Amino acid sequence: MTFVVTEACIQCKYTDCVSVCPMDCFFEGPNFLAIHPDECIDCSICVAECPVGAIVSDQEIPDDQRHFIEINRVLSQDPRYRRISQVQSPLPDHEKWAGIKDKLALLDYRASVG
């Protein structure tokens, strides 16, 4: 079992979660964070730190967000993403984007897929 960053993170990229991760398994891209599923130890500490509720267990992820399990796997191994372990400022306009749904088109991950 692992935790997964979901669509709510796109264009917000709050990083409160990374500072509490004992495994440093978060990876940062231009407008999204990903969790490396093979490094996550299922401690759930990061969940409460996310102000938009973007982090969920892969066992409890809603059906409409299940594709983010694979997206996290792919992006956490993408050379464009770098390991992150310290809090950084969220993206500009993060407050506006936090309430917007259907942001997947803004996430550049397809280039990373085989």
Protein backbone atom coordinates (compact mmCIF):
# COMPACT_ATOMS: atom_id res chain seq x y z
CA MET A 1 0.00 0.00 0.00
CA THR A 2 1.13 3.54 -0.73
CA PHE A 3 -0.16 7.08 -0.78
CA VAL A 4 -0.92 8.91 -3.99
CA VAL A 5 -0.94 12.58 -4.97
CA THR A 6 -4.14 13.28 -6.91
CA GLU A 7 -5.52 15.92 -9.25
CA ALA A 8 -6.08 18.52 -6.53
CA CYS A 9 -2.30 19.13 -6.45
CA ILE A 10 -2.10 20.24 -10.08
CA GLN A 11 -1.33 23.97 -10.36
CA CYS A 12 -1.22 24.34 -6.55
CA LYS A 13 1.80 22.31 -5.48
CA TYR A 14 1.65 22.95 -1.76
CA THR A 15 4.72 21.36 -0.22
CA ASP A 16 3.81 21.13 3.46
CA CYS A 17 3.61 17.36 2.97
CA VAL A 18 7.25 16.91 1.98
CA SER A 19 8.67 18.27 5.21
CA VAL A 20 7.05 15.51 7.30
CA CYS A 21 7.85 12.56 5.03
CA PRO A 22 10.35 10.29 6.82
CA MET A 23 11.33 8.64 3.53
CA ASP A 24 11.76 11.74 1.35
CA CYS A 25 9.71 10.03 -1.34
CA PHE A 26 8.16 13.16 -2.88
CA PHE A 27 9.21 14.32 -6.32
CA GLU A 28 8.57 17.79 -7.71
CA GLY A 29 7.68 18.70 -11.25
CA PRO A 30 6.64 22.01 -12.80
CA ASN A 31 3.07 21.99 -11.47
CA PHE A 32 2.62 18.77 -9.47
CA LEU A 33 4.16 16.60 -6.76
CA ALA A 34 4.38 12.82 -7.03
CA ILE A 35 5.05 10.11 -4.45
CA HIS A 36 7.40 7.28 -5.38
CA PRO A 37 5.23 4.22 -4.61
CA ASP A 38 8.17 1.90 -3.93
CA GLU A 39 9.61 4.28 -1.33
CA CYS A 40 6.42 5.26 0.53
CA ILE A 41 6.09 3.34 3.81
CA ASP A 42 2.36 4.05 4.23
CA CYS A 43 2.81 6.16 7.36
CA SER A 44 0.08 8.66 6.30
CA ILE A 45 1.77 11.61 8.00
CA CYS A 46 1.65 13.63 4.76
CA VAL A 47 -2.13 13.32 4.36
CA ALA A 48 -3.03 15.77 7.12
CA GLU A 49 -0.45 18.29 5.88
CA CYS A 50 -2.05 18.82 2.47
CA PRO A 51 -4.42 21.81 2.65
CA VAL A 52 -6.40 20.67 -0.41
CA GLY A 53 -6.71 16.97 0.43
CA ALA A 54 -4.69 15.89 -2.60
CA ILE A 55 -3.01 12.90 -0.91
CA VAL A 56 -4.95 9.66 -0.45
CA SER A 57 -4.26 5.99 0.12
CA ASP A 58 -4.16 3.85 -3.00
CA GLN A 59 -6.65 1.61 -1.19
CA GLU A 60 -9.17 4.43 -0.69
CA ILE A 61 -8.64 6.48 -3.84
CA PRO A 62 -11.88 7.45 -5.60
CA ASP A 63 -12.50 5.70 -8.92
CA ASP A 64 -12.20 8.96 -10.87
CA GLN A 65 -8.66 9.45 -9.47
CA ARG A 66 -7.34 5.86 -9.81
CA HIS A 67 -5.23 6.80 -12.84
CA PHE A 68 -3.10 8.89 -10.48
CA ILE A 69 -1.63 5.69 -9.03
CA GLU A 70 0.18 5.12 -12.34
CA ILE A 71 0.84 8.83 -12.86
CA ASN A 72 2.68 9.00 -9.50
CA ARG A 73 4.71 5.91 -10.43
CA VAL A 74 5.70 7.32 -13.81
CA LEU A 75 6.45 10.87 -12.69
CA SER A 76 8.43 9.85 -9.61
CA GLN A 77 10.85 8.16 -12.02
CA ASP A 78 10.81 10.92 -14.63
CA PRO A 79 14.18 12.71 -14.92
CA ARG A 80 12.35 16.04 -15.12
CA TYR A 81 11.12 15.50 -11.55
CA ARG A 82 13.50 15.99 -8.64
CA ARG A 83 13.35 14.68 -5.10
CA ILE A 84 12.09 17.32 -2.68
CA SER A 85 12.20 17.30 1.13
CA GLN A 86 11.77 20.93 2.18
CA VAL A 87 8.79 23.26 2.07
CA GLN A 88 8.71 25.70 -0.82
CA SER A 89 6.22 28.37 -1.82
CA PRO A 90 3.14 27.11 -3.67
CA LEU A 91 2.60 28.10 -7.27
CA PRO A 92 1.30 31.56 -8.15
CA ASP A 93 -2.51 31.63 -8.16
CA HIS A 94 -2.56 28.46 -6.03
CA GLU A 95 -5.61 29.70 -4.16
CA LYS A 96 -7.56 30.09 -7.40
CA TRP A 97 -6.51 26.66 -8.68
CA ALA A 98 -7.20 24.87 -5.38
CA GLY A 99 -10.95 24.83 -6.01
CA ILE A 100 -10.85 23.93 -9.70
CA LYS A 101 -11.60 20.37 -10.80
CA ASP A 102 -10.63 18.57 -14.00
CA LYS A 103 -7.04 19.84 -14.20
CA LEU A 104 -5.47 16.70 -15.67
CA ALA A 105 -4.97 18.36 -19.08
CA LEU A 106 -2.54 20.77 -17.35
CA LEU A 107 -0.28 17.93 -16.21
CA ASP A 108 2.49 16.98 -18.62
CA TYR A 109 3.02 13.31 -17.94
CA ARG A 110 2.30 11.58 -21.23
CA ALA A 111 5.81 12.29 -22.55
CA SER A 112 7.10 10.18 -19.65
CA VAL A 113 5.00 7.16 -20.54
CA GLY A 114 6.78 4.53 -22.65
